[in-house]
């Protein structure tokens, strides 16, 4: 899988993970790109996995395991802090996936935040597709 998309259930925008390096999924991931789109918004940034093969598969798998609800927010942050992902859920089964993407952790660079809505029934498929794109956590 060369890319991994989470379309927003609200009908506008989504998250597109692409440009995985190395492309060989048997190798630990070093970096990937993320494009976030929403109403009148489009932002793209590169995320580094570094030496520890950090990626959000465990977050998506935990959300799928707890599809019927979890207290508070589940979260994941990239090794260098350029991407943070938060998952929360309301009582009706709507999932909010919030991302905060920045060009670097220096204070004078850009930062964008956006929310993608999903349904609880989508979580297992999201986790499966994430594992196909990123590989399994080490």
Protein backbone atom coordinates (compact mmCIF):
# COMPACT_ATOMS: atom_id res chain seq x y z
CA UNK A 1 0.00 0.00 0.00
CA UNK A 2 1.61 3.23 -1.17
CA UNK A 3 -0.77 5.49 0.73
CA UNK A 4 -3.27 5.37 3.56
CA UNK A 5 -6.33 7.65 3.60
CA UNK A 6 -8.76 8.42 6.41
CA UNK A 7 -11.60 10.34 4.77
CA UNK A 8 -13.74 12.46 7.04
CA UNK A 9 -17.21 11.03 7.67
CA UNK A 10 -18.46 14.63 7.60
CA UNK A 11 -17.80 14.64 3.86
CA UNK A 12 -15.06 17.26 3.82
CA UNK A 13 -11.38 16.54 3.89
CA UNK A 14 -9.35 13.81 5.46
CA UNK A 15 -5.87 12.59 6.27
CA UNK A 16 -3.58 11.12 3.61
CA UNK A 17 -0.43 9.32 4.74
CA UNK A 18 1.98 8.71 1.85
CA UNK A 19 5.63 8.75 0.77
CA UNK A 20 6.80 6.08 3.21
CA UNK A 21 10.57 5.64 3.29
CA UNK A 22 11.86 3.13 2.75
CA UNK A 23 9.16 1.85 0.41
CA UNK A 24 10.07 -1.75 1.33
CA UNK A 25 7.60 -2.62 4.13
CA UNK A 26 9.98 -5.26 5.52
CA UNK A 27 12.31 -2.42 6.50
CA UNK A 28 11.64 -0.20 9.54
CA UNK A 29 9.97 3.07 8.58
CA UNK A 30 12.21 6.15 8.57
CA UNK A 31 9.78 8.86 7.45
CA UNK A 32 6.43 9.52 5.81
CA UNK A 33 4.39 12.44 4.54
CA UNK A 34 0.98 13.58 5.74
CA UNK A 35 -1.52 15.74 3.86
CA UNK A 36 -4.46 17.09 5.83
CA UNK A 37 -7.40 18.63 4.00
CA UNK A 38 -10.53 20.26 5.32
CA UNK A 39 -12.89 23.00 4.23
CA UNK A 40 -10.58 25.67 2.67
CA UNK A 41 -7.48 24.00 4.16
CA UNK A 42 -4.66 21.91 2.75
CA UNK A 43 -1.35 21.32 4.52
CA UNK A 44 1.46 18.85 3.93
CA UNK A 45 4.39 17.92 6.13
CA UNK A 46 7.07 15.29 6.42
CA UNK A 47 7.19 13.23 9.62
CA UNK A 48 10.36 11.49 10.79
CA UNK A 49 10.19 8.11 12.50
CA UNK A 50 13.85 8.16 13.45
CA UNK A 51 15.76 5.30 14.93
CA UNK A 52 12.82 3.84 16.88
CA UNK A 53 10.38 3.35 13.97
CA UNK A 54 7.74 5.51 15.59
CA UNK A 55 4.36 5.55 13.88
CA UNK A 56 0.68 5.74 14.88
CA UNK A 57 -0.34 2.09 14.28
CA UNK A 58 -0.57 1.37 18.04
CA UNK A 59 -2.91 4.36 18.45
CA UNK A 60 -5.23 3.19 15.66
CA UNK A 61 -5.16 -0.39 16.99
CA UNK A 62 -6.04 0.80 20.50
CA UNK A 63 -8.93 2.86 19.13
CA UNK A 64 -10.20 -0.24 17.27
CA UNK A 65 -9.88 -2.42 20.40
CA UNK A 66 -11.91 0.08 22.40
CA UNK A 67 -14.42 0.81 19.61
CA UNK A 68 -17.31 0.94 22.07
CA UNK A 69 -15.75 3.85 23.92
CA UNK A 70 -12.78 4.98 25.94
CA UNK A 71 -12.40 7.61 28.61
CA UNK A 72 -10.73 10.88 27.63
CA UNK A 73 -8.36 11.00 24.68
CA UNK A 74 -5.94 8.52 23.19
CA UNK A 75 -2.84 10.09 21.66
CA UNK A 76 0.36 9.58 19.73
CA UNK A 77 3.20 12.00 18.95
CA UNK A 78 6.02 11.65 16.45
CA UNK A 79 9.57 11.32 17.68
CA UNK A 80 10.52 14.88 16.69
CA UNK A 81 7.15 16.40 17.61
CA UNK A 82 6.08 17.54 14.14
CA UNK A 83 2.86 15.47 14.32
CA UNK A 84 0.45 14.74 17.16
CA UNK A 85 -2.73 12.68 16.74
CA UNK A 86 -5.55 12.56 19.29
CA UNK A 87 -8.55 10.26 19.23
CA UNK A 88 -11.73 10.91 21.20
CA UNK A 89 -15.26 9.56 21.04
CA UNK A 90 -18.72 10.83 21.89
CA UNK A 91 -21.61 8.74 23.27
CA UNK A 92 -23.09 8.26 19.80
CA UNK A 93 -20.04 6.45 18.43
CA UNK A 94 -18.60 9.38 16.50
CA UNK A 95 -14.82 9.35 16.50
CA UNK A 96 -12.84 12.57 16.37
CA UNK A 97 -9.30 12.25 15.05
CA UNK A 98 -7.49 15.52 15.64
CA UNK A 99 -4.08 16.20 14.18
CA UNK A 100 -1.59 18.93 14.92
CA UNK A 101 1.08 19.18 12.24
CA UNK A 102 3.98 21.63 12.26
CA UNK A 103 6.97 22.28 10.04
CA UNK A 104 9.34 21.84 12.98
CA UNK A 105 9.35 22.24 16.72
CA UNK A 106 10.95 25.70 16.49
CA UNK A 107 8.58 28.40 17.71
CA UNK A 108 8.69 30.52 14.54
CA UNK A 109 7.49 27.84 12.11
CA UNK A 110 3.96 27.06 10.93
CA UNK A 111 1.45 24.81 12.70
CA UNK A 112 -1.94 23.55 11.55
CA UNK A 113 -4.64 21.71 13.48
CA UNK A 114 -7.60 19.92 11.93
CA UNK A 115 -10.22 17.34 12.85
CA UNK A 116 -11.41 14.33 10.89
CA UNK A 117 -14.63 12.62 11.89
CA UNK A 118 -14.99 8.82 11.69
CA UNK A 119 -17.51 6.24 12.83
CA UNK A 120 -16.75 3.51 15.38
CA UNK A 121 -17.43 0.88 12.72
CA UNK A 122 -14.54 2.22 10.63
CA UNK A 123 -11.87 1.80 13.31
CA UNK A 124 -10.94 -1.81 12.58
CA UNK A 125 -10.44 -1.04 8.89
CA UNK A 126 -8.44 2.11 9.72
CA UNK A 127 -6.14 0.09 12.01
CA UNK A 128 -5.69 -2.62 9.37
CA UNK A 129 -4.86 -0.13 6.61
CA UNK A 130 -2.49 1.76 8.94
CA UNK A 131 -0.57 -1.47 9.65
CA UNK A 132 -0.32 -2.17 5.90
CA UNK A 133 1.12 1.30 5.26
CA UNK A 134 3.39 1.81 8.28
CA UNK A 135 4.26 -1.79 9.17
CA UNK A 136 3.92 -3.24 12.63
CA UNK A 137 5.28 -1.48 15.69
CA UNK A 138 8.64 -2.77 16.88
